[in-house]
Amino acid sequence: MKEKPPPDEFSPQPEYDSCAIQQVERDICLLYHQLADYNYIMGDLDFGTVFNFPYWNYLDVPDIEPVRQRFLREGCLVMILTMAWDLLDGSGVWFSLYRSICKKAVGNLIPENDRMSKLIHTVKMALDYAENDQKVSRELAESSQWVHREFIIGYFRQMVRKFDT
C-alpha cells in the first residue's frame, strides 16, 4: 500500500462516511491487539502503510452513537500517542509530518470526564516532547503506562465481560 501524502492542514469538519469510520475502528482494534503484547505504549509500528488514516480528524465524529464516538475518540488519541512515541523512542519519522496537525486537533478537544482529561493531557505531553525533541520524563512514561492499562488492557477486559453476561 502506498503512503498517503500529509494533509495540508487539520480539517475540523471533514466528510465522514461509514466505510472510513469502520476502517478507523478496524485500525484501533489492530493497534490494541498489537500493543497488547507489551505493557507500555510502543511506537515501533507500521505507520504510513498500515496505520495511515488522518486519525486526528476522527476525534469528534458527529451524529454517531455516544459509545461508538467514545471508542473512536479514545482509540484515535491512543493512536496519536503511539505515533508520538514512534518519534520519542527514535524508531521512526513518519509522524513528524503530522505532529502540528495533531496538536491542533487534540487541543480542540473538551474532555467529558477526568479519565478523558488525563488521556488528552498525556497525548499533549507526548506531542510537546516529540516537537521539542526532549528526553522522556518520568511523568510521561508513567502516564503512558496508565494509558496502556486503562485503554488497551481495559478494552480487552470490557470485551471479555461482554462474554460473561
N, C-alpha and C. Protein backbone atom coordinates (compact mmCIF):
# COMPACT_ATOMS: atom_id res chain seq x y z
N MET A 1 0.84 -1.18 0.00
CA MET A 1 0.00 0.00 0.00
C MET A 1 0.89 1.24 0.00
N LYS A 2 0.57 2.20 -0.80
CA LYS A 2 1.33 3.42 -0.93
C LYS A 2 1.02 4.36 0.23
N GLU A 3 2.04 5.06 0.72
CA GLU A 3 1.83 6.03 1.79
C GLU A 3 1.01 7.20 1.28
N LYS A 4 0.11 7.68 2.15
CA LYS A 4 -0.66 8.86 1.82
C LYS A 4 0.18 10.10 2.09
N PRO A 5 0.08 11.12 1.24
CA PRO A 5 0.84 12.34 1.50
C PRO A 5 0.24 13.08 2.70
N PRO A 6 1.03 13.89 3.38
CA PRO A 6 0.48 14.61 4.52
C PRO A 6 -0.58 15.60 4.09
N PRO A 7 -1.61 15.79 4.92
CA PRO A 7 -2.64 16.76 4.58
C PRO A 7 -2.08 18.17 4.72
N ASP A 8 -2.73 19.11 4.05
CA ASP A 8 -2.29 20.49 4.12
C ASP A 8 -2.55 21.09 5.49
N GLU A 9 -3.66 20.69 6.12
CA GLU A 9 -4.00 21.23 7.42
C GLU A 9 -5.03 20.34 8.10
N PHE A 10 -5.22 20.59 9.37
CA PHE A 10 -6.24 19.90 10.15
C PHE A 10 -7.61 20.32 9.62
N SER A 11 -8.47 19.37 9.40
CA SER A 11 -9.80 19.67 8.90
C SER A 11 -10.83 19.44 10.01
N PRO A 12 -11.29 20.50 10.68
CA PRO A 12 -12.22 20.30 11.79
C PRO A 12 -13.59 19.79 11.35
N GLN A 13 -13.92 19.85 10.08
CA GLN A 13 -15.21 19.39 9.59
C GLN A 13 -15.04 18.52 8.35
N PRO A 14 -14.32 17.40 8.49
CA PRO A 14 -14.13 16.54 7.31
C PRO A 14 -15.41 15.82 6.94
N GLU A 15 -15.40 15.24 5.77
CA GLU A 15 -16.52 14.40 5.33
C GLU A 15 -16.36 13.03 5.98
N TYR A 16 -17.43 12.54 6.58
CA TYR A 16 -17.38 11.23 7.21
C TYR A 16 -18.27 10.28 6.43
N ASP A 17 -17.75 9.10 6.13
CA ASP A 17 -18.60 8.08 5.54
C ASP A 17 -18.45 6.83 6.39
N SER A 18 -19.44 5.97 6.36
CA SER A 18 -19.46 4.82 7.25
C SER A 18 -18.29 3.87 6.99
N CYS A 19 -17.85 3.77 5.75
CA CYS A 19 -16.72 2.89 5.41
C CYS A 19 -15.44 3.40 6.06
N ALA A 20 -15.18 4.69 5.97
CA ALA A 20 -13.97 5.26 6.57
C ALA A 20 -14.01 5.13 8.09
N ILE A 21 -15.16 5.35 8.69
CA ILE A 21 -15.29 5.21 10.14
C ILE A 21 -14.98 3.77 10.55
N GLN A 22 -15.50 2.81 9.80
CA GLN A 22 -15.22 1.40 10.11
C GLN A 22 -13.74 1.07 9.92
N GLN A 23 -13.10 1.68 8.94
CA GLN A 23 -11.67 1.44 8.74
C GLN A 23 -10.86 1.99 9.92
N VAL A 24 -11.26 3.14 10.44
CA VAL A 24 -10.58 3.70 11.60
C VAL A 24 -10.81 2.79 12.81
N GLU A 25 -12.04 2.31 12.98
CA GLU A 25 -12.32 1.38 14.08
C GLU A 25 -11.49 0.11 13.94
N ARG A 26 -11.35 -0.38 12.74
CA ARG A 26 -10.53 -1.57 12.48
C ARG A 26 -9.08 -1.31 12.87
N ASP A 27 -8.57 -0.14 12.51
CA ASP A 27 -7.19 0.21 12.85
C ASP A 27 -6.99 0.30 14.36
N ILE A 28 -7.97 0.84 15.05
CA ILE A 28 -7.89 0.93 16.51
C ILE A 28 -7.83 -0.48 17.12
N CYS A 29 -8.66 -1.37 16.63
CA CYS A 29 -8.64 -2.76 17.13
C CYS A 29 -7.29 -3.42 16.85
N LEU A 30 -6.74 -3.21 15.66
CA LEU A 30 -5.43 -3.76 15.33
C LEU A 30 -4.35 -3.14 16.23
N LEU A 31 -4.42 -1.84 16.44
CA LEU A 31 -3.47 -1.17 17.32
C LEU A 31 -3.51 -1.78 18.72
N TYR A 32 -4.71 -1.92 19.26
CA TYR A 32 -4.86 -2.51 20.59
C TYR A 32 -4.32 -3.94 20.62
N HIS A 33 -4.61 -4.70 19.58
CA HIS A 33 -4.13 -6.07 19.50
C HIS A 33 -2.59 -6.11 19.51
N GLN A 34 -1.97 -5.25 18.71
CA GLN A 34 -0.51 -5.24 18.64
C GLN A 34 0.12 -4.74 19.93
N LEU A 35 -0.50 -3.74 20.57
CA LEU A 35 0.06 -3.20 21.81
C LEU A 35 -0.19 -4.11 23.01
N ALA A 36 -1.12 -5.04 22.89
CA ALA A 36 -1.41 -5.96 23.99
C ALA A 36 -0.23 -6.88 24.28
N ASP A 37 0.70 -7.01 23.35
CA ASP A 37 1.88 -7.83 23.56
C ASP A 37 2.92 -7.15 24.47
N TYR A 38 2.68 -5.91 24.83
CA TYR A 38 3.61 -5.13 25.64
C TYR A 38 2.87 -4.66 26.89
N ASN A 39 3.61 -4.06 27.82
CA ASN A 39 2.97 -3.46 28.98
C ASN A 39 3.19 -1.95 28.98
N TYR A 40 3.41 -1.41 27.81
CA TYR A 40 3.64 0.02 27.64
C TYR A 40 3.23 0.41 26.22
N ILE A 41 3.22 1.70 25.96
CA ILE A 41 2.95 2.20 24.60
C ILE A 41 4.25 2.07 23.81
N MET A 42 4.19 1.35 22.72
CA MET A 42 5.35 1.10 21.89
C MET A 42 5.08 1.73 20.52
N GLY A 43 5.98 2.56 20.06
CA GLY A 43 5.75 3.29 18.83
C GLY A 43 6.30 2.66 17.57
N ASP A 44 6.93 1.53 17.67
CA ASP A 44 7.58 0.93 16.50
C ASP A 44 6.57 0.09 15.71
N LEU A 45 5.60 0.77 15.10
CA LEU A 45 4.56 0.12 14.30
C LEU A 45 4.66 0.61 12.86
N ASP A 46 3.85 0.05 12.01
CA ASP A 46 3.93 0.34 10.59
C ASP A 46 3.07 1.57 10.22
N PHE A 47 3.56 2.74 10.63
CA PHE A 47 2.87 3.98 10.29
C PHE A 47 3.17 4.36 8.85
N GLY A 48 2.19 4.88 8.18
CA GLY A 48 2.38 5.28 6.79
C GLY A 48 1.86 4.25 5.81
N THR A 49 1.87 2.98 6.19
CA THR A 49 1.33 1.96 5.30
C THR A 49 0.14 1.26 5.94
N VAL A 50 0.32 0.67 7.13
CA VAL A 50 -0.80 0.01 7.81
C VAL A 50 -1.67 1.04 8.52
N PHE A 51 -1.05 1.84 9.35
CA PHE A 51 -1.77 2.89 10.09
C PHE A 51 -1.55 4.21 9.35
N ASN A 52 -2.47 4.55 8.45
CA ASN A 52 -2.22 5.71 7.59
C ASN A 52 -3.43 6.62 7.39
N PHE A 53 -4.40 6.54 8.29
CA PHE A 53 -5.55 7.43 8.20
C PHE A 53 -5.26 8.74 8.92
N PRO A 54 -5.98 9.78 8.62
CA PRO A 54 -5.86 11.02 9.40
C PRO A 54 -6.70 10.88 10.69
N TYR A 55 -6.19 10.11 11.62
CA TYR A 55 -6.93 9.77 12.84
C TYR A 55 -7.37 11.01 13.62
N TRP A 56 -6.61 12.09 13.54
CA TRP A 56 -6.94 13.34 14.22
C TRP A 56 -8.27 13.89 13.74
N ASN A 57 -8.69 13.55 12.54
CA ASN A 57 -9.99 14.02 12.04
C ASN A 57 -11.16 13.19 12.58
N TYR A 58 -10.87 12.12 13.29
CA TYR A 58 -11.92 11.24 13.82
C TYR A 58 -12.04 11.35 15.33
N LEU A 59 -11.51 12.41 15.90
CA LEU A 59 -11.62 12.63 17.33
C LEU A 59 -13.01 13.09 17.74
N ASP A 60 -13.75 13.62 16.80
CA ASP A 60 -15.09 14.12 17.12
C ASP A 60 -16.00 13.93 15.91
N VAL A 61 -16.49 12.71 15.73
CA VAL A 61 -17.37 12.40 14.60
C VAL A 61 -18.81 12.71 15.02
N PRO A 62 -19.48 13.59 14.30
CA PRO A 62 -20.85 13.93 14.67
C PRO A 62 -21.85 12.84 14.28
N ASP A 63 -22.97 12.86 14.95
CA ASP A 63 -24.13 12.02 14.59
C ASP A 63 -23.88 10.52 14.63
N ILE A 64 -23.08 10.06 15.59
CA ILE A 64 -22.96 8.62 15.81
C ILE A 64 -23.25 8.35 17.29
N GLU A 65 -23.52 7.10 17.60
CA GLU A 65 -23.88 6.73 18.96
C GLU A 65 -22.77 7.14 19.92
N PRO A 66 -23.13 7.58 21.12
CA PRO A 66 -22.11 8.02 22.09
C PRO A 66 -21.06 6.95 22.41
N VAL A 67 -21.45 5.68 22.51
CA VAL A 67 -20.49 4.62 22.81
C VAL A 67 -19.48 4.49 21.67
N ARG A 68 -19.97 4.57 20.46
CA ARG A 68 -19.09 4.48 19.29
C ARG A 68 -18.18 5.70 19.20
N GLN A 69 -18.74 6.88 19.48
CA GLN A 69 -17.95 8.11 19.47
C GLN A 69 -16.85 8.04 20.51
N ARG A 70 -17.14 7.52 21.69
CA ARG A 70 -16.13 7.39 22.75
C ARG A 70 -15.02 6.43 22.31
N PHE A 71 -15.40 5.31 21.70
CA PHE A 71 -14.40 4.35 21.22
C PHE A 71 -13.48 5.01 20.19
N LEU A 72 -14.06 5.74 19.24
CA LEU A 72 -13.26 6.43 18.22
C LEU A 72 -12.34 7.46 18.85
N ARG A 73 -12.87 8.30 19.73
CA ARG A 73 -12.06 9.36 20.34
C ARG A 73 -10.91 8.77 21.14
N GLU A 74 -11.23 7.82 22.01
CA GLU A 74 -10.19 7.20 22.82
C GLU A 74 -9.16 6.49 21.95
N GLY A 75 -9.64 5.71 20.98
CA GLY A 75 -8.73 4.96 20.12
C GLY A 75 -7.85 5.86 19.28
N CYS A 76 -8.40 6.94 18.76
CA CYS A 76 -7.60 7.86 17.95
C CYS A 76 -6.58 8.60 18.81
N LEU A 77 -6.95 8.91 20.05
CA LEU A 77 -5.97 9.53 20.95
C LEU A 77 -4.85 8.56 21.28
N VAL A 78 -5.18 7.30 21.52
CA VAL A 78 -4.13 6.30 21.77
C VAL A 78 -3.27 6.15 20.51
N MET A 79 -3.87 6.18 19.34
CA MET A 79 -3.12 6.09 18.08
C MET A 79 -2.15 7.26 17.97
N ILE A 80 -2.61 8.46 18.25
CA ILE A 80 -1.74 9.64 18.16
C ILE A 80 -0.62 9.55 19.19
N LEU A 81 -0.93 9.08 20.39
CA LEU A 81 0.09 8.89 21.42
C LEU A 81 1.15 7.89 20.92
N THR A 82 0.69 6.81 20.32
CA THR A 82 1.62 5.80 19.81
C THR A 82 2.49 6.38 18.69
N MET A 83 1.90 7.20 17.84
CA MET A 83 2.66 7.85 16.78
C MET A 83 3.73 8.78 17.36
N ALA A 84 3.36 9.50 18.42
CA ALA A 84 4.33 10.38 19.07
C ALA A 84 5.48 9.56 19.67
N TRP A 85 5.15 8.40 20.25
CA TRP A 85 6.20 7.54 20.79
C TRP A 85 7.12 7.02 19.68
N ASP A 86 6.61 6.91 18.48
CA ASP A 86 7.44 6.49 17.35
C ASP A 86 8.59 7.49 17.15
N LEU A 87 8.32 8.76 17.42
CA LEU A 87 9.37 9.77 17.35
C LEU A 87 10.21 9.77 18.62
N LEU A 88 9.56 9.65 19.76
CA LEU A 88 10.25 9.73 21.05
C LEU A 88 11.25 8.61 21.25
N ASP A 89 10.90 7.41 20.79
CA ASP A 89 11.82 6.30 21.00
C ASP A 89 12.82 6.15 19.85
N GLY A 90 12.76 7.07 18.90
CA GLY A 90 13.75 7.11 17.83
C GLY A 90 13.57 6.07 16.75
N SER A 91 12.41 5.41 16.72
CA SER A 91 12.25 4.33 15.74
C SER A 91 11.66 4.79 14.42
N GLY A 92 11.16 6.01 14.34
CA GLY A 92 10.54 6.44 13.09
C GLY A 92 10.48 7.94 12.94
N VAL A 93 10.10 8.39 11.74
CA VAL A 93 9.99 9.82 11.46
C VAL A 93 8.68 10.17 10.76
N TRP A 94 7.91 9.16 10.34
CA TRP A 94 6.70 9.40 9.56
C TRP A 94 5.78 10.43 10.22
N PHE A 95 5.60 10.30 11.51
CA PHE A 95 4.65 11.15 12.23
C PHE A 95 5.07 12.62 12.29
N SER A 96 6.33 12.91 12.08
CA SER A 96 6.79 14.30 12.15
C SER A 96 6.04 15.18 11.15
N LEU A 97 5.54 14.59 10.08
CA LEU A 97 4.75 15.34 9.09
C LEU A 97 3.40 15.79 9.64
N TYR A 98 2.89 15.11 10.67
CA TYR A 98 1.54 15.33 11.16
C TYR A 98 1.47 15.89 12.57
N ARG A 99 2.60 16.06 13.20
CA ARG A 99 2.64 16.45 14.61
C ARG A 99 1.87 17.74 14.89
N SER A 100 2.07 18.77 14.10
CA SER A 100 1.40 20.04 14.38
C SER A 100 -0.10 19.95 14.12
N ILE A 101 -0.51 19.17 13.14
CA ILE A 101 -1.93 18.96 12.87
C ILE A 101 -2.58 18.27 14.06
N CYS A 102 -1.89 17.28 14.60
CA CYS A 102 -2.42 16.55 15.76
C CYS A 102 -2.52 17.44 16.98
N LYS A 103 -1.51 18.29 17.19
CA LYS A 103 -1.54 19.19 18.34
C LYS A 103 -2.78 20.09 18.28
N LYS A 104 -3.09 20.56 17.10
CA LYS A 104 -4.26 21.43 16.94
C LYS A 104 -5.55 20.64 17.20
N ALA A 105 -5.64 19.45 16.64
CA ALA A 105 -6.85 18.64 16.80
C ALA A 105 -7.05 18.24 18.26
N VAL A 106 -6.00 17.78 18.91
CA VAL A 106 -6.10 17.37 20.31
C VAL A 106 -6.38 18.59 21.19
N GLY A 107 -5.79 19.72 20.85
CA GLY A 107 -6.03 20.96 21.61
C GLY A 107 -7.46 21.44 21.54
N ASN A 108 -8.19 21.06 20.51
CA ASN A 108 -9.59 21.46 20.37
C ASN A 108 -10.55 20.61 21.18
N LEU A 109 -10.08 19.49 21.73
CA LEU A 109 -10.97 18.58 22.45
C LEU A 109 -11.34 19.12 23.82
N ILE A 110 -12.58 18.88 24.19
CA ILE A 110 -13.06 19.20 25.52
C ILE A 110 -13.34 17.88 26.21
N PRO A 111 -12.59 17.59 27.28
CA PRO A 111 -12.78 16.29 27.95
C PRO A 111 -14.11 16.23 28.67
N GLU A 112 -14.76 15.06 28.59
CA GLU A 112 -16.06 14.91 29.24
C GLU A 112 -15.96 14.34 30.65
N ASN A 113 -14.75 13.88 31.02
CA ASN A 113 -14.56 13.36 32.37
C ASN A 113 -13.07 13.36 32.70
N ASP A 114 -12.74 12.99 33.95
CA ASP A 114 -11.34 13.00 34.39
C ASP A 114 -10.47 12.01 33.61
N ARG A 115 -11.03 10.87 33.28
CA ARG A 115 -10.30 9.84 32.52
C ARG A 115 -9.87 10.38 31.16
N MET A 116 -10.82 11.03 30.47
CA MET A 116 -10.52 11.61 29.17
C MET A 116 -9.55 12.78 29.31
N SER A 117 -9.69 13.55 30.37
CA SER A 117 -8.78 14.66 30.61
C SER A 117 -7.34 14.18 30.78
N LYS A 118 -7.17 13.08 31.51
CA LYS A 118 -5.82 12.52 31.70
C LYS A 118 -5.27 11.97 30.39
N LEU A 119 -6.10 11.34 29.58
CA LEU A 119 -5.66 10.83 28.28
C LEU A 119 -5.23 11.99 27.38
N ILE A 120 -6.04 13.02 27.30
CA ILE A 120 -5.70 14.18 26.47
C ILE A 120 -4.41 14.82 26.96
N HIS A 121 -4.27 14.98 28.27
CA HIS A 121 -3.05 15.56 28.84
C HIS A 121 -1.82 14.75 28.45
N THR A 122 -1.93 13.43 28.51
CA THR A 122 -0.81 12.55 28.16
C THR A 122 -0.44 12.70 26.70
N VAL A 123 -1.44 12.74 25.83
CA VAL A 123 -1.16 12.90 24.39
C VAL A 123 -0.52 14.25 24.12
N LYS A 124 -1.03 15.31 24.73
CA LYS A 124 -0.44 16.64 24.54
C LYS A 124 1.01 16.67 25.02
N MET A 125 1.26 16.04 26.16
CA MET A 125 2.61 16.00 26.69
C MET A 125 3.55 15.27 25.73
N ALA A 126 3.12 14.13 25.21
CA ALA A 126 3.94 13.38 24.26
C ALA A 126 4.20 14.19 22.99
N LEU A 127 3.17 14.89 22.51
CA LEU A 127 3.35 15.71 21.31
C LEU A 127 4.34 16.84 21.56
N ASP A 128 4.26 17.46 22.74
CA ASP A 128 5.20 18.53 23.09
C ASP A 128 6.63 17.99 23.17
N TYR A 129 6.80 16.85 23.82
CA TYR A 129 8.14 16.26 23.93
C TYR A 129 8.68 15.92 22.55
N ALA A 130 7.84 15.35 21.70
CA ALA A 130 8.29 14.98 20.35
C ALA A 130 8.65 16.23 19.54
N GLU A 131 7.87 17.28 19.70
CA GLU A 131 8.13 18.52 18.96
C GLU A 131 9.44 19.16 19.39
N ASN A 132 9.72 19.10 20.68
CA ASN A 132 10.91 19.75 21.22
C ASN A 132 12.10 18.81 21.35
N ASP A 133 11.93 17.58 20.84
CA ASP A 133 13.00 16.58 20.86
C ASP A 133 13.57 16.40 22.26
N GLN A 134 12.65 16.35 23.24
CA GLN A 134 13.04 16.21 24.64
C GLN A 134 13.15 14.75 25.04
N LYS A 135 13.96 14.52 26.05
CA LYS A 135 14.05 13.19 26.65
C LYS A 135 12.75 12.93 27.42
N VAL A 136 12.27 11.70 27.37
CA VAL A 136 11.01 11.34 28.01
C VAL A 136 11.13 11.46 29.52
N SER A 137 10.19 12.15 30.12
CA SER A 137 10.17 12.33 31.56
C SER A 137 9.51 11.14 32.24
N ARG A 138 9.73 11.05 33.52
CA ARG A 138 9.08 10.00 34.31
C ARG A 138 7.56 10.16 34.25
N GLU A 139 7.09 11.41 34.30
CA GLU A 139 5.65 11.66 34.25
C GLU A 139 5.04 11.14 32.94
N LEU A 140 5.69 11.40 31.82
CA LEU A 140 5.18 10.92 30.54
C LEU A 140 5.22 9.40 30.47
N ALA A 141 6.29 8.80 30.94
CA ALA A 141 6.39 7.34 30.92
C ALA A 141 5.29 6.71 31.78
N GLU A 142 5.09 7.23 32.97
CA GLU A 142 4.06 6.70 33.86
C GLU A 142 2.65 6.95 33.31
N SER A 143 2.43 8.11 32.74
CA SER A 143 1.12 8.42 32.15
C SER A 143 0.84 7.51 30.95
N SER A 144 1.86 7.24 30.17
CA SER A 144 1.69 6.35 29.02
C SER A 144 1.40 4.92 29.47
N GLN A 145 2.04 4.49 30.56
CA GLN A 145 1.72 3.17 31.10
C GLN A 145 0.28 3.11 31.60
N TRP A 146 -0.19 4.21 32.19
CA TRP A 146 -1.59 4.29 32.62
C TRP A 146 -2.51 4.17 31.40
N VAL A 147 -2.17 4.84 30.30
CA VAL A 147 -2.97 4.75 29.08
C VAL A 147 -3.02 3.30 28.61
N HIS A 148 -1.91 2.62 28.65
CA HIS A 148 -1.88 1.22 28.22
C HIS A 148 -2.81 0.37 29.09
N ARG A 149 -2.72 0.52 30.40
CA ARG A 149 -3.58 -0.26 31.31
C ARG A 149 -5.04 0.12 31.14
N GLU A 150 -5.31 1.40 31.09
CA GLU A 150 -6.69 1.90 31.09
C GLU A 150 -7.41 1.66 29.76
N PHE A 151 -6.74 1.86 28.65
CA PHE A 151 -7.42 1.83 27.36
C PHE A 151 -7.16 0.55 26.56
N ILE A 152 -5.94 0.08 26.54
CA ILE A 152 -5.67 -1.13 25.75
C ILE A 152 -6.10 -2.37 26.53
N ILE A 153 -5.53 -2.56 27.71
CA ILE A 153 -5.94 -3.70 28.53
C ILE A 153 -7.41 -3.54 28.92
N GLY A 154 -7.82 -2.33 29.21
CA GLY A 154 -9.22 -2.06 29.55
C GLY A 154 -10.19 -2.47 28.45
N TYR A 155 -9.80 -2.26 27.21
CA TYR A 155 -10.64 -2.66 26.08
C TYR A 155 -10.87 -4.17 26.09
N PHE A 156 -9.80 -4.93 26.27
CA PHE A 156 -9.93 -6.39 26.26
C PHE A 156 -10.72 -6.88 27.46
N ARG A 157 -10.54 -6.28 28.61
CA ARG A 157 -11.33 -6.65 29.79
C ARG A 157 -12.81 -6.40 29.55
N GLN A 158 -13.10 -5.27 28.94
CA GLN A 158 -14.51 -4.94 28.64
C GLN A 158 -15.10 -5.95 27.67
N MET A 159 -14.34 -6.36 26.66
CA MET A 159 -14.84 -7.36 25.70
C MET A 159 -15.09 -8.70 26.39
N VAL A 160 -14.20 -9.10 27.28
CA VAL A 160 -14.36 -10.37 27.99
C VAL A 160 -15.61 -10.32 28.88
N ARG A 161 -15.83 -9.18 29.55
CA ARG A 161 -17.03 -9.03 30.39
C ARG A 161 -18.31 -9.22 29.59
N LYS A 162 -18.30 -8.78 28.35
CA LYS A 162 -19.48 -8.95 27.49
C LYS A 162 -19.80 -10.42 27.28
N PHE A 163 -18.76 -11.25 27.21
CA PHE A 163 -18.99 -12.69 27.03
C PHE A 163 -19.47 -13.36 28.31
N ASP A 164 -19.14 -12.77 29.45
CA ASP A 164 -19.53 -13.36 30.74
C ASP A 164 -20.98 -13.08 31.12
N THR A 165 -21.65 -12.21 30.41
CA THR A 165 -23.02 -11.86 30.78
C THR A 165 -24.05 -12.64 29.99
